[in-house]
Amino acid sequence: MPRSDSNNILNLDNFVPQKVKPQKSLQNLISYLVREVNKQKLDYDQLKYVFKAVRSKCNIEKCQQSLNGS
């Protein structure tokens, strides 16, 4: 069956639909977080604690960068 819209074909290299920009999902996440922070009325220290806990539970660490740039 022929496809009329070639933008709906998935790129098999990275499994991301071609018509969706990579930053779009991040923008959606940011919008969601803004709504939740406002709804929960979190202050700076509370939000900082939340992100620290999320990084810890997801085992996300800051990358070590060398001082000489290599």
Protein backbone atom coordinates (compact mmCIF):
# COMPACT_ATOMS: atom_id res chain seq x y z
CA MET A 1 0.00 0.00 0.00
CA PRO A 2 1.59 3.35 -1.02
CA ARG A 3 2.12 6.02 1.60
CA SER A 4 0.92 9.52 0.86
CA ASP A 5 2.95 11.19 3.63
CA SER A 6 6.62 10.16 3.69
CA ASN A 7 7.19 12.17 6.90
CA ASN A 8 5.45 9.44 8.92
CA ILE A 9 8.09 6.84 8.07
CA LEU A 10 10.32 6.03 11.04
CA ASN A 11 14.07 6.32 10.75
CA LEU A 12 15.28 2.85 11.75
CA ASP A 13 18.70 4.17 12.78
CA ASN A 14 17.44 6.02 15.84
CA PHE A 15 13.71 5.10 16.10
CA VAL A 16 12.68 8.76 16.20
CA PRO A 17 9.90 9.91 13.87
CA GLN A 18 11.48 12.18 11.28
CA LYS A 19 8.83 14.87 11.54
CA VAL A 20 9.36 15.29 15.33
CA LYS A 21 12.20 17.59 16.27
CA PRO A 22 14.46 16.20 19.04
CA GLN A 23 13.96 19.29 21.18
CA LYS A 24 10.17 18.96 21.06
CA SER A 25 10.11 16.16 23.64
CA LEU A 26 12.32 18.23 25.95
CA GLN A 27 10.01 21.22 25.55
CA ASN A 28 7.05 19.00 26.46
CA LEU A 29 8.89 17.78 29.56
CA ILE A 30 9.79 21.35 30.56
CA SER A 31 6.17 22.44 30.18
CA TYR A 32 5.03 19.51 32.31
CA LEU A 33 7.59 20.31 35.02
CA VAL A 34 6.57 23.98 35.06
CA ARG A 35 2.92 23.01 35.59
CA GLU A 36 3.79 20.59 38.38
CA VAL A 37 6.17 22.98 40.17
CA ASN A 38 3.50 25.70 40.09
CA LYS A 39 0.77 23.28 41.16
CA GLN A 40 2.85 21.99 44.08
CA LYS A 41 4.07 25.53 44.90
CA LEU A 42 7.67 24.38 45.24
CA ASP A 43 10.28 26.93 46.25
CA TYR A 44 13.89 26.95 45.03
CA ASP A 45 15.29 24.73 47.78
CA GLN A 46 12.50 22.17 47.40
CA LEU A 47 12.98 22.02 43.63
CA LYS A 48 16.74 21.69 44.10
CA TYR A 49 16.11 18.76 46.47
CA VAL A 50 13.75 17.10 43.98
CA PHE A 51 16.26 17.27 41.12
CA LYS A 52 19.07 16.03 43.38
CA ALA A 53 16.91 13.04 44.41
CA VAL A 54 16.01 12.29 40.78
CA ARG A 55 19.67 12.40 39.72
CA SER A 56 20.56 10.09 42.59
CA LYS A 57 17.79 7.55 41.87
CA CYS A 58 18.65 7.54 38.14
CA ASN A 59 22.41 7.25 38.79
CA ILE A 60 23.11 10.41 36.82
CA GLU A 61 26.47 11.96 37.54
CA LYS A 62 28.14 15.08 36.24
CA CYS A 63 30.71 14.39 33.52
CA GLN A 64 34.33 14.94 34.42
CA GLN A 65 35.93 17.44 32.04
CA SER A 66 39.67 17.90 31.81
CA LEU A 67 41.14 21.35 32.35
CA ASN A 68 43.17 21.33 29.12
CA GLY A 69 40.12 20.69 26.91
CA SER A 70 41.18 17.30 25.57
